[in-house]
N, C-alpha and C. Protein backbone atom coordinates (compact mmCIF):
# COMPACT_ATOMS: atom_id res chain seq x y z
N MET A 1 17.21 5.34 -30.75
CA MET A 1 16.77 4.24 -29.89
C MET A 1 16.26 4.83 -28.59
N PHE A 2 14.99 4.52 -28.22
CA PHE A 2 14.45 5.11 -27.00
C PHE A 2 13.52 4.13 -26.28
N THR A 3 13.31 4.43 -25.00
CA THR A 3 12.28 3.77 -24.19
C THR A 3 11.51 4.89 -23.54
N THR A 4 10.20 4.93 -23.74
CA THR A 4 9.42 6.06 -23.25
C THR A 4 8.04 5.63 -22.82
N GLY A 5 7.41 6.47 -22.02
CA GLY A 5 6.08 6.18 -21.52
C GLY A 5 5.02 6.14 -22.59
N ASP A 6 5.14 6.95 -23.61
CA ASP A 6 4.17 6.95 -24.71
C ASP A 6 4.85 7.67 -25.86
N ALA A 7 5.34 6.92 -26.83
CA ALA A 7 6.16 7.48 -27.89
C ALA A 7 5.44 8.56 -28.70
N VAL A 8 4.13 8.36 -28.94
CA VAL A 8 3.37 9.34 -29.71
C VAL A 8 3.12 10.60 -28.89
N ALA A 9 2.62 10.43 -27.65
CA ALA A 9 2.33 11.58 -26.80
C ALA A 9 3.59 12.38 -26.47
N ALA A 10 4.73 11.68 -26.37
CA ALA A 10 5.99 12.36 -26.05
C ALA A 10 6.58 13.07 -27.27
N GLY A 11 6.02 12.84 -28.45
CA GLY A 11 6.48 13.52 -29.65
C GLY A 11 7.64 12.87 -30.36
N PHE A 12 7.98 11.63 -29.99
CA PHE A 12 9.08 10.95 -30.66
C PHE A 12 8.70 10.52 -32.07
N VAL A 13 7.45 10.08 -32.23
CA VAL A 13 6.95 9.63 -33.53
C VAL A 13 5.47 9.99 -33.63
N THR A 14 4.92 9.86 -34.83
CA THR A 14 3.48 10.04 -35.00
C THR A 14 2.78 8.72 -35.29
N ASN A 15 3.58 7.67 -35.54
CA ASN A 15 3.01 6.38 -35.90
C ASN A 15 3.90 5.28 -35.33
N LEU A 16 3.32 4.39 -34.50
CA LEU A 16 4.11 3.32 -33.90
C LEU A 16 4.56 2.29 -34.92
N ALA A 17 3.71 2.00 -35.89
CA ALA A 17 4.04 0.96 -36.88
C ALA A 17 5.11 1.41 -37.85
N LYS A 18 5.14 2.71 -38.17
CA LYS A 18 6.11 3.24 -39.12
C LYS A 18 6.75 4.51 -38.54
N PRO A 19 7.79 4.34 -37.73
CA PRO A 19 8.46 5.51 -37.13
C PRO A 19 8.91 6.48 -38.21
N ASP A 20 8.63 7.77 -37.99
CA ASP A 20 8.88 8.75 -39.04
C ASP A 20 9.89 9.83 -38.63
N ARG A 21 10.57 9.64 -37.50
CA ARG A 21 11.51 10.68 -37.06
C ARG A 21 12.88 10.10 -36.71
N ASN A 22 13.28 9.12 -37.49
CA ASN A 22 14.61 8.52 -37.36
C ASN A 22 14.87 7.96 -35.96
N GLY A 23 13.85 7.38 -35.36
CA GLY A 23 14.00 6.76 -34.05
C GLY A 23 13.02 5.62 -33.89
N THR A 24 13.37 4.66 -33.07
CA THR A 24 12.48 3.56 -32.77
C THR A 24 12.79 3.06 -31.36
N GLY A 25 11.97 2.15 -30.85
CA GLY A 25 12.21 1.67 -29.50
C GLY A 25 10.99 1.02 -28.88
N VAL A 26 10.84 1.22 -27.57
CA VAL A 26 9.80 0.57 -26.79
C VAL A 26 8.94 1.64 -26.14
N SER A 27 7.62 1.46 -26.17
CA SER A 27 6.68 2.43 -25.61
C SER A 27 5.70 1.72 -24.69
N PHE A 28 5.25 2.43 -23.66
CA PHE A 28 4.20 1.89 -22.80
C PHE A 28 3.27 3.01 -22.38
N LEU A 29 2.07 2.65 -21.93
CA LEU A 29 1.02 3.65 -21.67
C LEU A 29 1.16 4.20 -20.26
N ALA A 30 2.03 5.20 -20.10
CA ALA A 30 2.37 5.71 -18.78
C ALA A 30 1.17 6.31 -18.04
N ALA A 31 0.41 7.15 -18.71
CA ALA A 31 -0.71 7.81 -18.02
C ALA A 31 -1.71 6.78 -17.50
N GLU A 32 -2.00 5.78 -18.31
CA GLU A 32 -2.94 4.75 -17.89
C GLU A 32 -2.39 3.94 -16.72
N LEU A 33 -1.08 3.72 -16.70
CA LEU A 33 -0.45 3.02 -15.58
C LEU A 33 -0.59 3.82 -14.29
N HIS A 34 -0.41 5.13 -14.38
CA HIS A 34 -0.53 5.97 -13.19
C HIS A 34 -1.96 5.97 -12.66
N GLU A 35 -2.92 6.02 -13.59
CA GLU A 35 -4.32 5.97 -13.17
C GLU A 35 -4.61 4.66 -12.44
N LYS A 36 -4.13 3.57 -13.00
CA LYS A 36 -4.35 2.26 -12.37
C LYS A 36 -3.66 2.20 -11.02
N SER A 37 -2.48 2.80 -10.92
CA SER A 37 -1.76 2.84 -9.65
C SER A 37 -2.57 3.58 -8.59
N LEU A 38 -3.18 4.69 -8.99
CA LEU A 38 -4.01 5.45 -8.06
C LEU A 38 -5.19 4.60 -7.59
N GLU A 39 -5.80 3.88 -8.52
CA GLU A 39 -6.93 3.02 -8.16
C GLU A 39 -6.52 1.94 -7.15
N MET A 40 -5.34 1.34 -7.38
CA MET A 40 -4.89 0.28 -6.48
C MET A 40 -4.49 0.83 -5.11
N LEU A 41 -3.90 2.03 -5.09
CA LEU A 41 -3.59 2.65 -3.80
C LEU A 41 -4.86 2.95 -3.03
N HIS A 42 -5.89 3.40 -3.74
CA HIS A 42 -7.18 3.67 -3.11
C HIS A 42 -7.81 2.39 -2.58
N GLU A 43 -7.61 1.30 -3.32
CA GLU A 43 -8.11 -0.01 -2.88
C GLU A 43 -7.39 -0.46 -1.62
N LEU A 44 -6.11 -0.13 -1.53
CA LEU A 44 -5.30 -0.51 -0.37
C LEU A 44 -5.67 0.31 0.85
N ILE A 45 -5.89 1.62 0.66
CA ILE A 45 -6.22 2.52 1.78
C ILE A 45 -7.52 3.28 1.44
N PRO A 46 -8.65 2.60 1.49
CA PRO A 46 -9.91 3.18 1.01
C PRO A 46 -10.37 4.41 1.79
N ARG A 47 -9.91 4.57 3.03
CA ARG A 47 -10.34 5.73 3.81
C ARG A 47 -9.53 6.98 3.51
N ALA A 48 -8.46 6.84 2.78
CA ALA A 48 -7.62 8.00 2.43
C ALA A 48 -8.39 8.94 1.50
N ARG A 49 -8.17 10.21 1.69
CA ARG A 49 -8.87 11.20 0.85
C ARG A 49 -7.91 12.14 0.14
N ARG A 50 -6.68 12.28 0.62
CA ARG A 50 -5.71 13.17 -0.02
C ARG A 50 -4.48 12.36 -0.41
N ILE A 51 -4.15 12.42 -1.70
CA ILE A 51 -3.01 11.66 -2.23
C ILE A 51 -2.04 12.62 -2.90
N MET A 52 -0.76 12.47 -2.57
CA MET A 52 0.28 13.25 -3.24
C MET A 52 0.72 12.54 -4.52
N TYR A 53 0.97 13.33 -5.56
CA TYR A 53 1.44 12.82 -6.84
C TYR A 53 2.78 13.48 -7.13
N LEU A 54 3.87 12.71 -7.01
CA LEU A 54 5.21 13.24 -7.22
C LEU A 54 5.53 13.15 -8.71
N VAL A 55 5.82 14.29 -9.32
CA VAL A 55 5.93 14.36 -10.77
C VAL A 55 7.07 15.28 -11.18
N ASN A 56 7.73 14.94 -12.28
CA ASN A 56 8.75 15.81 -12.86
C ASN A 56 8.11 16.63 -13.98
N PRO A 57 7.89 17.94 -13.77
CA PRO A 57 7.21 18.74 -14.79
C PRO A 57 8.03 18.91 -16.07
N ALA A 58 9.34 18.60 -16.04
CA ALA A 58 10.16 18.69 -17.23
C ALA A 58 9.96 17.50 -18.16
N ASN A 59 9.32 16.45 -17.66
CA ASN A 59 9.02 15.28 -18.49
C ASN A 59 7.95 15.68 -19.52
N PRO A 60 8.16 15.43 -20.81
CA PRO A 60 7.18 15.86 -21.82
C PRO A 60 5.81 15.23 -21.68
N LEU A 61 5.72 14.12 -20.94
CA LEU A 61 4.43 13.47 -20.75
C LEU A 61 3.67 14.01 -19.54
N SER A 62 4.31 14.86 -18.75
CA SER A 62 3.69 15.30 -17.50
C SER A 62 2.35 16.02 -17.66
N PRO A 63 2.21 16.95 -18.61
CA PRO A 63 0.90 17.62 -18.74
C PRO A 63 -0.24 16.64 -18.96
N ARG A 64 -0.03 15.69 -19.87
CA ARG A 64 -1.08 14.69 -20.16
C ARG A 64 -1.32 13.80 -18.94
N ASP A 65 -0.23 13.36 -18.31
CA ASP A 65 -0.36 12.51 -17.13
C ASP A 65 -1.19 13.19 -16.05
N ARG A 66 -0.91 14.47 -15.82
CA ARG A 66 -1.58 15.18 -14.73
C ARG A 66 -3.06 15.35 -15.00
N VAL A 67 -3.42 15.63 -16.24
CA VAL A 67 -4.84 15.75 -16.58
C VAL A 67 -5.57 14.44 -16.28
N LYS A 68 -4.98 13.34 -16.73
CA LYS A 68 -5.60 12.03 -16.52
C LYS A 68 -5.64 11.66 -15.04
N MET A 69 -4.59 11.98 -14.32
CA MET A 69 -4.55 11.65 -12.90
C MET A 69 -5.60 12.44 -12.10
N HIS A 70 -5.75 13.71 -12.43
CA HIS A 70 -6.77 14.51 -11.72
C HIS A 70 -8.17 14.01 -12.05
N ALA A 71 -8.40 13.61 -13.28
CA ALA A 71 -9.70 13.06 -13.66
C ALA A 71 -9.96 11.76 -12.90
N ALA A 72 -8.93 10.91 -12.78
CA ALA A 72 -9.07 9.65 -12.05
C ALA A 72 -9.32 9.90 -10.57
N ALA A 73 -8.62 10.89 -10.01
CA ALA A 73 -8.82 11.23 -8.60
C ALA A 73 -10.24 11.73 -8.35
N ASP A 74 -10.72 12.59 -9.24
CA ASP A 74 -12.09 13.10 -9.10
C ASP A 74 -13.10 11.96 -9.13
N ALA A 75 -12.88 10.99 -10.02
CA ALA A 75 -13.80 9.86 -10.14
C ALA A 75 -13.82 9.02 -8.86
N LEU A 76 -12.70 9.00 -8.15
CA LEU A 76 -12.60 8.22 -6.91
C LEU A 76 -12.94 9.04 -5.67
N GLY A 77 -13.25 10.30 -5.86
CA GLY A 77 -13.54 11.17 -4.73
C GLY A 77 -12.32 11.54 -3.93
N LEU A 78 -11.17 11.64 -4.60
CA LEU A 78 -9.90 11.94 -3.93
C LEU A 78 -9.40 13.33 -4.30
N GLU A 79 -8.67 13.93 -3.38
CA GLU A 79 -7.97 15.18 -3.67
C GLU A 79 -6.53 14.83 -4.04
N LEU A 80 -6.10 15.25 -5.22
CA LEU A 80 -4.75 14.95 -5.68
C LEU A 80 -3.87 16.18 -5.49
N ILE A 81 -2.81 16.04 -4.73
CA ILE A 81 -1.89 17.14 -4.45
C ILE A 81 -0.61 16.89 -5.25
N THR A 82 -0.34 17.74 -6.23
CA THR A 82 0.83 17.55 -7.09
C THR A 82 2.08 18.13 -6.44
N ILE A 83 3.14 17.32 -6.39
CA ILE A 83 4.44 17.76 -5.90
C ILE A 83 5.40 17.74 -7.09
N GLU A 84 5.90 18.91 -7.49
CA GLU A 84 6.77 19.00 -8.65
C GLU A 84 8.23 18.89 -8.25
N ALA A 85 9.00 18.13 -9.03
CA ALA A 85 10.43 17.98 -8.76
C ALA A 85 11.16 17.75 -10.08
N ARG A 86 11.79 18.81 -10.58
CA ARG A 86 12.54 18.69 -11.84
C ARG A 86 14.05 18.66 -11.60
N ASN A 87 14.46 18.89 -10.34
CA ASN A 87 15.88 18.86 -9.99
C ASN A 87 16.02 18.47 -8.52
N ILE A 88 17.26 18.35 -8.06
CA ILE A 88 17.51 17.88 -6.69
C ILE A 88 16.90 18.82 -5.65
N ASP A 89 17.05 20.11 -5.83
CA ASP A 89 16.54 21.07 -4.83
C ASP A 89 15.02 20.98 -4.73
N GLU A 90 14.34 20.90 -5.87
CA GLU A 90 12.88 20.80 -5.84
C GLU A 90 12.45 19.47 -5.24
N LEU A 91 13.21 18.41 -5.53
CA LEU A 91 12.86 17.11 -4.96
C LEU A 91 13.00 17.14 -3.43
N ARG A 92 14.08 17.70 -2.93
CA ARG A 92 14.27 17.78 -1.49
C ARG A 92 13.15 18.58 -0.82
N ALA A 93 12.76 19.68 -1.45
CA ALA A 93 11.67 20.50 -0.91
C ALA A 93 10.36 19.71 -0.94
N GLY A 94 10.14 19.00 -2.02
CA GLY A 94 8.92 18.22 -2.13
C GLY A 94 8.86 17.09 -1.11
N LEU A 95 9.99 16.42 -0.90
CA LEU A 95 10.01 15.31 0.05
C LEU A 95 9.78 15.79 1.48
N ARG A 96 10.19 17.01 1.77
CA ARG A 96 9.92 17.56 3.11
C ARG A 96 8.43 17.71 3.35
N ARG A 97 7.67 17.91 2.28
CA ARG A 97 6.21 18.04 2.43
C ARG A 97 5.56 16.73 2.85
N PHE A 98 6.24 15.61 2.58
CA PHE A 98 5.70 14.32 3.00
C PHE A 98 5.53 14.27 4.51
N GLN A 99 6.40 14.95 5.24
CA GLN A 99 6.41 14.86 6.70
C GLN A 99 5.34 15.73 7.36
N ARG A 100 4.70 16.56 6.60
CA ARG A 100 3.80 17.56 7.20
C ARG A 100 2.35 17.10 7.31
N GLY A 101 2.08 15.85 7.02
CA GLY A 101 0.73 15.34 7.17
C GLY A 101 -0.26 15.89 6.17
N ALA A 102 0.26 16.32 5.00
CA ALA A 102 -0.62 16.93 4.00
C ALA A 102 -1.44 15.91 3.23
N ALA A 103 -1.03 14.63 3.28
CA ALA A 103 -1.73 13.60 2.50
C ALA A 103 -1.67 12.26 3.21
N HIS A 104 -2.44 11.31 2.69
CA HIS A 104 -2.54 9.97 3.29
C HIS A 104 -1.78 8.92 2.49
N GLY A 105 -1.32 9.26 1.28
CA GLY A 105 -0.62 8.30 0.44
C GLY A 105 0.10 9.01 -0.69
N VAL A 106 0.90 8.26 -1.44
CA VAL A 106 1.74 8.84 -2.50
C VAL A 106 1.72 7.96 -3.75
N VAL A 107 1.60 8.62 -4.91
CA VAL A 107 1.82 7.97 -6.21
C VAL A 107 3.01 8.66 -6.85
N VAL A 108 3.97 7.89 -7.36
CA VAL A 108 5.16 8.46 -8.00
C VAL A 108 5.08 8.25 -9.51
N GLN A 109 5.35 9.32 -10.24
CA GLN A 109 5.32 9.26 -11.70
C GLN A 109 6.46 8.40 -12.23
N GLY A 110 6.22 7.77 -13.38
CA GLY A 110 7.29 7.05 -14.08
C GLY A 110 8.19 8.04 -14.78
N ASP A 111 9.37 8.29 -14.22
CA ASP A 111 10.28 9.29 -14.75
C ASP A 111 11.70 8.89 -14.38
N LEU A 112 12.64 9.04 -15.30
CA LEU A 112 14.00 8.57 -15.06
C LEU A 112 14.75 9.39 -14.02
N PHE A 113 14.47 10.71 -13.95
CA PHE A 113 15.10 11.51 -12.89
C PHE A 113 14.66 11.01 -11.52
N LEU A 114 13.36 10.79 -11.36
CA LEU A 114 12.84 10.30 -10.08
C LEU A 114 13.35 8.90 -9.78
N LEU A 115 13.43 8.06 -10.81
CA LEU A 115 13.96 6.71 -10.61
C LEU A 115 15.40 6.77 -10.11
N GLY A 116 16.17 7.70 -10.64
CA GLY A 116 17.55 7.84 -10.21
C GLY A 116 17.70 8.27 -8.76
N ARG A 117 16.65 8.87 -8.20
CA ARG A 117 16.67 9.31 -6.80
C ARG A 117 15.78 8.43 -5.94
N ARG A 118 15.60 7.18 -6.36
CA ARG A 118 14.65 6.29 -5.68
C ARG A 118 14.98 6.07 -4.21
N ALA A 119 16.26 6.02 -3.87
CA ALA A 119 16.62 5.80 -2.46
C ALA A 119 16.15 6.97 -1.60
N ASP A 120 16.33 8.20 -2.09
CA ASP A 120 15.88 9.38 -1.35
C ASP A 120 14.36 9.39 -1.19
N ILE A 121 13.66 9.06 -2.28
CA ILE A 121 12.19 9.07 -2.25
C ILE A 121 11.68 7.99 -1.30
N ALA A 122 12.23 6.78 -1.41
CA ALA A 122 11.80 5.69 -0.54
C ALA A 122 12.06 6.01 0.92
N ARG A 123 13.21 6.63 1.21
CA ARG A 123 13.55 6.99 2.59
C ARG A 123 12.53 7.99 3.15
N ALA A 124 12.16 8.98 2.34
CA ALA A 124 11.21 9.99 2.80
C ALA A 124 9.83 9.40 3.02
N VAL A 125 9.41 8.51 2.13
CA VAL A 125 8.11 7.86 2.27
C VAL A 125 8.06 7.01 3.54
N ARG A 126 9.13 6.28 3.80
CA ARG A 126 9.18 5.44 5.01
C ARG A 126 9.18 6.30 6.27
N ALA A 127 9.95 7.39 6.25
CA ALA A 127 10.02 8.26 7.42
C ALA A 127 8.66 8.87 7.73
N ALA A 128 7.90 9.20 6.67
CA ALA A 128 6.57 9.79 6.86
C ALA A 128 5.50 8.73 7.10
N ARG A 129 5.88 7.45 6.96
CA ARG A 129 4.96 6.33 7.14
C ARG A 129 3.72 6.47 6.25
N LEU A 130 3.99 6.74 4.98
CA LEU A 130 2.92 6.91 4.01
C LEU A 130 2.84 5.70 3.08
N PRO A 131 1.69 5.09 2.92
CA PRO A 131 1.54 4.06 1.87
C PRO A 131 1.78 4.71 0.51
N ALA A 132 2.57 4.05 -0.32
CA ALA A 132 2.92 4.63 -1.62
C ALA A 132 3.02 3.55 -2.67
N ILE A 133 2.78 3.96 -3.92
CA ILE A 133 2.93 3.04 -5.05
C ILE A 133 3.86 3.69 -6.07
N PHE A 134 4.77 2.87 -6.61
CA PHE A 134 5.83 3.34 -7.48
C PHE A 134 5.69 2.71 -8.86
N PRO A 135 6.31 3.34 -9.89
CA PRO A 135 6.06 2.89 -11.27
C PRO A 135 6.95 1.75 -11.76
N TYR A 136 8.02 1.43 -11.02
CA TYR A 136 8.94 0.38 -11.48
C TYR A 136 9.34 -0.51 -10.32
N GLY A 137 9.56 -1.79 -10.61
CA GLY A 137 10.00 -2.72 -9.59
C GLY A 137 11.36 -2.37 -9.03
N ASP A 138 12.17 -1.58 -9.76
CA ASP A 138 13.49 -1.18 -9.28
C ASP A 138 13.41 -0.47 -7.93
N TYR A 139 12.29 0.18 -7.66
CA TYR A 139 12.15 0.90 -6.39
C TYR A 139 12.22 -0.04 -5.19
N HIS A 140 11.91 -1.31 -5.40
CA HIS A 140 11.93 -2.24 -4.27
C HIS A 140 13.34 -2.46 -3.73
N GLU A 141 14.35 -2.14 -4.52
CA GLU A 141 15.72 -2.19 -4.03
C GLU A 141 15.89 -1.25 -2.83
N ALA A 142 15.09 -0.19 -2.80
CA ALA A 142 15.19 0.81 -1.74
C ALA A 142 14.18 0.55 -0.61
N GLY A 143 13.38 -0.52 -0.74
CA GLY A 143 12.44 -0.88 0.31
C GLY A 143 11.16 -0.07 0.27
N VAL A 144 10.27 -0.42 -0.66
CA VAL A 144 8.99 0.29 -0.79
C VAL A 144 7.83 -0.70 -0.69
N LEU A 145 6.64 -0.16 -0.52
CA LEU A 145 5.45 -0.99 -0.31
C LEU A 145 4.95 -1.68 -1.58
N MET A 146 4.81 -0.91 -2.65
CA MET A 146 4.10 -1.45 -3.81
C MET A 146 4.60 -0.78 -5.09
N SER A 147 4.65 -1.56 -6.16
CA SER A 147 4.99 -1.00 -7.47
C SER A 147 4.10 -1.64 -8.53
N TYR A 148 3.84 -0.87 -9.58
CA TYR A 148 3.05 -1.37 -10.70
C TYR A 148 3.59 -0.73 -11.97
N GLY A 149 4.10 -1.55 -12.87
CA GLY A 149 4.65 -0.99 -14.09
C GLY A 149 5.37 -2.03 -14.91
N PRO A 150 6.05 -1.58 -15.96
CA PRO A 150 6.73 -2.52 -16.85
C PRO A 150 7.93 -3.17 -16.18
N SER A 151 8.23 -4.36 -16.62
CA SER A 151 9.44 -5.05 -16.16
C SER A 151 10.61 -4.56 -17.01
N TRP A 152 11.62 -3.99 -16.36
CA TRP A 152 12.76 -3.48 -17.11
C TRP A 152 13.57 -4.60 -17.74
N LYS A 153 13.47 -5.81 -17.18
CA LYS A 153 14.12 -6.96 -17.82
C LYS A 153 13.50 -7.21 -19.19
N ASP A 154 12.16 -7.15 -19.26
CA ASP A 154 11.49 -7.33 -20.54
C ASP A 154 11.85 -6.20 -21.50
N VAL A 155 11.89 -4.98 -20.97
CA VAL A 155 12.23 -3.82 -21.81
C VAL A 155 13.63 -3.97 -22.39
N MET A 156 14.59 -4.35 -21.54
CA MET A 156 15.97 -4.46 -22.00
C MET A 156 16.15 -5.59 -23.02
N ARG A 157 15.36 -6.66 -22.89
CA ARG A 157 15.41 -7.71 -23.90
C ARG A 157 14.94 -7.16 -25.26
N MET A 158 13.88 -6.36 -25.23
CA MET A 158 13.41 -5.75 -26.48
C MET A 158 14.46 -4.80 -27.05
N VAL A 159 15.05 -3.99 -26.17
CA VAL A 159 16.06 -3.03 -26.60
C VAL A 159 17.24 -3.76 -27.24
N ALA A 160 17.66 -4.87 -26.63
CA ALA A 160 18.79 -5.64 -27.17
C ALA A 160 18.49 -6.11 -28.59
N GLY A 161 17.24 -6.48 -28.85
CA GLY A 161 16.86 -6.89 -30.19
C GLY A 161 17.00 -5.77 -31.20
N TYR A 162 16.60 -4.55 -30.80
CA TYR A 162 16.75 -3.39 -31.67
C TYR A 162 18.22 -3.09 -31.94
N VAL A 163 19.03 -3.13 -30.88
CA VAL A 163 20.46 -2.82 -31.02
C VAL A 163 21.10 -3.77 -32.03
N ASP A 164 20.77 -5.04 -31.92
CA ASP A 164 21.32 -6.04 -32.85
C ASP A 164 20.95 -5.69 -34.29
N LYS A 165 19.70 -5.34 -34.52
CA LYS A 165 19.25 -5.03 -35.88
C LYS A 165 19.90 -3.75 -36.41
N LEU A 166 20.02 -2.73 -35.52
CA LEU A 166 20.63 -1.47 -35.95
C LEU A 166 22.11 -1.65 -36.27
N LEU A 167 22.79 -2.49 -35.48
CA LEU A 167 24.20 -2.76 -35.75
C LEU A 167 24.39 -3.50 -37.06
N ASN A 168 23.33 -4.19 -37.49
CA ASN A 168 23.37 -4.90 -38.76
C ASN A 168 22.76 -4.06 -39.89
N ARG A 169 22.80 -2.72 -39.67
CA ARG A 169 22.47 -1.73 -40.70
C ARG A 169 20.98 -1.57 -41.00
N ALA A 170 20.12 -2.07 -40.13
CA ALA A 170 18.69 -1.78 -40.29
C ALA A 170 18.44 -0.30 -40.04
N GLN A 171 17.42 0.26 -40.69
CA GLN A 171 17.07 1.66 -40.51
C GLN A 171 15.94 1.78 -39.48
N PRO A 172 16.02 2.78 -38.57
CA PRO A 172 14.97 2.94 -37.55
C PRO A 172 13.57 3.00 -38.12
N ARG A 173 13.43 3.66 -39.28
CA ARG A 173 12.09 3.80 -39.88
C ARG A 173 11.50 2.46 -40.31
N ASP A 174 12.36 1.42 -40.43
CA ASP A 174 11.87 0.10 -40.83
C ASP A 174 11.58 -0.80 -39.64
N LEU A 175 11.81 -0.30 -38.43
CA LEU A 175 11.60 -1.09 -37.21
C LEU A 175 10.43 -0.51 -36.42
N SER A 176 9.29 -1.17 -36.44
CA SER A 176 8.12 -0.66 -35.73
C SER A 176 8.38 -0.60 -34.23
N ILE A 177 7.74 0.35 -33.57
CA ILE A 177 7.89 0.53 -32.13
C ILE A 177 7.04 -0.50 -31.41
N GLN A 178 7.65 -1.19 -30.46
CA GLN A 178 6.94 -2.22 -29.71
C GLN A 178 6.21 -1.57 -28.52
N GLN A 179 4.95 -1.93 -28.36
CA GLN A 179 4.13 -1.43 -27.26
C GLN A 179 4.05 -2.48 -26.16
N LEU A 180 4.44 -2.09 -24.96
CA LEU A 180 4.37 -3.01 -23.83
C LEU A 180 2.94 -3.13 -23.34
N PHE A 181 2.52 -4.36 -23.07
CA PHE A 181 1.18 -4.57 -22.54
C PHE A 181 1.20 -5.35 -21.22
N LYS A 182 2.37 -5.86 -20.83
CA LYS A 182 2.46 -6.61 -19.58
C LYS A 182 3.10 -5.75 -18.51
N TYR A 183 2.39 -5.62 -17.40
CA TYR A 183 2.87 -4.80 -16.29
C TYR A 183 2.79 -5.62 -15.01
N ASP A 184 3.79 -5.44 -14.16
CA ASP A 184 3.90 -6.26 -12.95
C ASP A 184 3.48 -5.48 -11.71
N LEU A 185 2.70 -6.15 -10.87
CA LEU A 185 2.34 -5.61 -9.56
C LEU A 185 3.14 -6.36 -8.51
N THR A 186 3.94 -5.63 -7.74
CA THR A 186 4.75 -6.22 -6.68
C THR A 186 4.38 -5.55 -5.37
N ILE A 187 4.17 -6.36 -4.33
CA ILE A 187 3.77 -5.84 -3.01
C ILE A 187 4.75 -6.39 -1.97
N ASN A 188 5.28 -5.51 -1.15
CA ASN A 188 6.16 -5.90 -0.06
C ASN A 188 5.32 -6.03 1.21
N LEU A 189 5.05 -7.26 1.62
CA LEU A 189 4.18 -7.51 2.77
C LEU A 189 4.86 -7.12 4.08
N MET A 190 6.18 -7.11 4.11
CA MET A 190 6.88 -6.67 5.32
C MET A 190 6.65 -5.18 5.56
N ILE A 191 6.70 -4.39 4.48
CA ILE A 191 6.43 -2.96 4.61
C ILE A 191 4.98 -2.73 5.00
N ALA A 192 4.07 -3.51 4.43
CA ALA A 192 2.65 -3.38 4.76
C ALA A 192 2.42 -3.63 6.25
N ARG A 193 3.05 -4.68 6.78
CA ARG A 193 2.90 -4.98 8.22
C ARG A 193 3.46 -3.85 9.06
N ASP A 194 4.61 -3.31 8.66
CA ASP A 194 5.22 -2.22 9.41
C ASP A 194 4.33 -0.99 9.44
N LEU A 195 3.61 -0.74 8.34
CA LEU A 195 2.71 0.41 8.26
C LEU A 195 1.35 0.13 8.90
N GLY A 196 1.10 -1.13 9.25
CA GLY A 196 -0.20 -1.49 9.80
C GLY A 196 -1.28 -1.51 8.75
N VAL A 197 -0.89 -1.79 7.50
CA VAL A 197 -1.84 -1.81 6.37
C VAL A 197 -2.17 -3.26 6.04
N GLU A 198 -3.46 -3.56 5.98
CA GLU A 198 -3.89 -4.90 5.59
C GLU A 198 -4.17 -4.91 4.09
N VAL A 199 -3.42 -5.72 3.38
CA VAL A 199 -3.56 -5.77 1.92
C VAL A 199 -4.79 -6.60 1.56
N PRO A 200 -5.74 -6.03 0.82
CA PRO A 200 -6.96 -6.77 0.44
C PRO A 200 -6.63 -8.02 -0.38
N ASN A 201 -7.45 -9.04 -0.25
CA ASN A 201 -7.23 -10.28 -1.00
C ASN A 201 -7.20 -10.04 -2.50
N ALA A 202 -8.02 -9.11 -2.97
CA ALA A 202 -8.07 -8.84 -4.41
C ALA A 202 -6.70 -8.39 -4.92
N LEU A 203 -6.00 -7.58 -4.14
CA LEU A 203 -4.67 -7.14 -4.55
C LEU A 203 -3.65 -8.27 -4.43
N LEU A 204 -3.79 -9.08 -3.37
CA LEU A 204 -2.88 -10.21 -3.19
C LEU A 204 -2.98 -11.17 -4.37
N LEU A 205 -4.19 -11.43 -4.82
CA LEU A 205 -4.40 -12.35 -5.93
C LEU A 205 -3.92 -11.77 -7.25
N ARG A 206 -3.96 -10.45 -7.36
CA ARG A 206 -3.56 -9.78 -8.60
C ARG A 206 -2.04 -9.65 -8.70
N ALA A 207 -1.35 -9.72 -7.57
CA ALA A 207 0.09 -9.46 -7.53
C ALA A 207 0.88 -10.49 -8.32
N ASP A 208 1.89 -10.01 -9.04
CA ASP A 208 2.81 -10.89 -9.76
C ASP A 208 3.91 -11.37 -8.82
N GLU A 209 4.20 -10.57 -7.79
CA GLU A 209 5.23 -10.94 -6.82
C GLU A 209 4.87 -10.39 -5.46
N LEU A 210 5.02 -11.24 -4.43
CA LEU A 210 4.82 -10.80 -3.05
C LEU A 210 6.15 -10.96 -2.32
N ILE A 211 6.63 -9.88 -1.74
CA ILE A 211 7.87 -9.91 -0.97
C ILE A 211 7.49 -10.12 0.49
N LYS A 212 7.98 -11.23 1.08
CA LYS A 212 7.56 -11.59 2.43
C LYS A 212 8.73 -11.47 3.43
């Protein structure tokens, strides 16, 4: 039973409809979400030219994500600065770079290690006064500007359905992997005002939730 950014790219299965490696679960298009996040951050701060990308290189999806992110940055005329953090020490070192004025904004990869350190990441972003976009709404618990990604409530409902079937002796290979297609954009307008960032109407209209 798994939840992952891209079940095929991560190597969990080779076929979503017929899982072939004794596992099943929920999958979503992580790389495409990160690209879209970069586009929306650029829309929010169009004059920015250097963006930091906080990523866990131990995540099996990271190589693919980085290729797509650099291609998206090039298309937007942006310089993407990758900050690697696979453990606490690397994360602390990376977060210190936020304070040095090396970039104008931040995109955070969808990764469970980084999610677990969301309070530290949010604190560093706020201290550096950097506009940033995060992959899960859970980050808003720590007070962040913007998030775009899957709703974990929806994910957990799907997971609960799998658990019920597996407990009733269903086999993973008989349970097709569900692909998430709904992603939520949440914007904290209080953080935007504090940063002096004016949120474009296009983003306001696109938002699923506005925190005021």
